[in-house]
Amino acid sequence: MARTPNSHQPKVVELLQPGSFVKVRNQPSDLPPFQLLRCRGGRCWVQQQAWGPLVQWEVEHHKLTSVA
C-alpha cells in the first residue's frame, strides 16, 4: 500500500478572530467581506454589516479566509 506525501501531516487551521473580516471561498469580487461573529466546532457565523444584527450565515470554517 503506497502512502501519499503529507498524508499524516496535520492540517493548519487559520485562526479567525471574532470581529475580523473574512471572505468565503469563491466569493464574488463585488461582494464585500463578511464580518466574523463567532466560530465553534468547525462552523462559523458571519454577516454583512448591511444585513442588520438578526441575519447571520453559518459557514464551514475551512471555507473562510481572513482579509488582510
Protein backbone atom coordinates (compact mmCIF):
# COMPACT_ATOMS: atom_id res chain seq x y z
CA MET A 1 0.00 0.00 0.00
CA ALA A 2 1.54 3.30 -1.09
CA ARG A 3 1.42 6.35 1.11
CA THR A 4 0.69 9.72 -0.36
CA PRO A 5 3.07 12.52 0.60
CA ASN A 6 1.93 14.65 3.55
CA SER A 7 -0.90 12.22 4.34
CA HIS A 8 -0.04 12.24 8.05
CA GLN A 9 0.74 15.91 8.49
CA PRO A 10 -1.85 17.84 10.49
CA LYS A 11 -3.95 20.42 8.67
CA VAL A 12 -3.18 24.02 9.54
CA VAL A 13 -6.35 25.83 10.59
CA GLU A 14 -6.32 29.58 10.24
CA LEU A 15 -7.14 31.38 13.47
CA LEU A 16 -10.06 33.70 12.84
CA GLN A 17 -10.92 36.28 15.47
CA PRO A 18 -14.49 37.49 16.12
CA GLY A 19 -14.93 40.97 14.71
CA SER A 20 -12.45 40.37 11.88
CA PHE A 21 -13.44 40.42 8.23
CA VAL A 22 -13.36 37.28 6.12
CA LYS A 23 -14.12 36.10 2.62
CA VAL A 24 -15.79 32.85 1.61
CA ARG A 25 -14.10 30.57 -0.91
CA ASN A 26 -15.30 31.51 -4.44
CA GLN A 27 -16.86 34.75 -3.16
CA PRO A 28 -17.65 37.18 -6.00
CA SER A 29 -15.26 40.14 -6.08
CA ASP A 30 -18.11 42.66 -5.95
CA LEU A 31 -19.43 41.28 -2.64
CA PRO A 32 -17.82 42.98 0.38
CA PRO A 33 -16.10 40.89 3.09
CA PHE A 34 -18.21 39.34 5.84
CA GLN A 35 -17.79 40.19 9.49
CA LEU A 36 -16.98 37.13 11.60
CA LEU A 37 -19.27 36.81 14.61
CA ARG A 38 -18.07 33.55 16.19
CA CYS A 39 -16.71 30.06 15.45
CA ARG A 40 -17.49 26.79 17.19
CA GLY A 41 -16.96 23.16 16.25
CA GLY A 42 -15.72 23.84 12.74
CA ARG A 43 -18.62 26.19 11.96
CA CYS A 44 -18.53 29.99 11.84
CA TRP A 45 -21.28 32.59 11.81
CA VAL A 46 -20.79 35.64 9.60
CA GLN A 47 -22.85 38.60 8.48
CA GLN A 48 -22.80 41.52 6.13
CA GLN A 49 -22.97 44.79 8.04
CA ALA A 50 -25.88 45.90 5.83
CA TRP A 51 -27.94 42.84 6.87
CA GLY A 52 -28.53 44.05 10.41
CA PRO A 53 -27.77 42.12 13.62
CA LEU A 54 -30.51 39.49 13.28
CA VAL A 55 -29.38 37.99 9.95
CA GLN A 56 -26.42 35.60 10.13
CA TRP A 57 -24.98 32.93 7.85
CA GLU A 58 -23.40 29.68 9.09
CA VAL A 59 -20.31 28.65 7.09
CA GLU A 60 -17.78 25.83 7.47
CA HIS A 61 -14.54 27.19 8.95
CA HIS A 62 -12.35 25.79 6.17
CA LYS A 63 -14.28 27.80 3.57
CA LEU A 64 -13.22 31.13 5.12
CA THR A 65 -10.04 33.18 4.75
CA SER A 66 -9.11 36.34 6.58
CA VAL A 67 -8.96 39.65 4.77
CA ALA A 68 -5.50 41.14 5.22
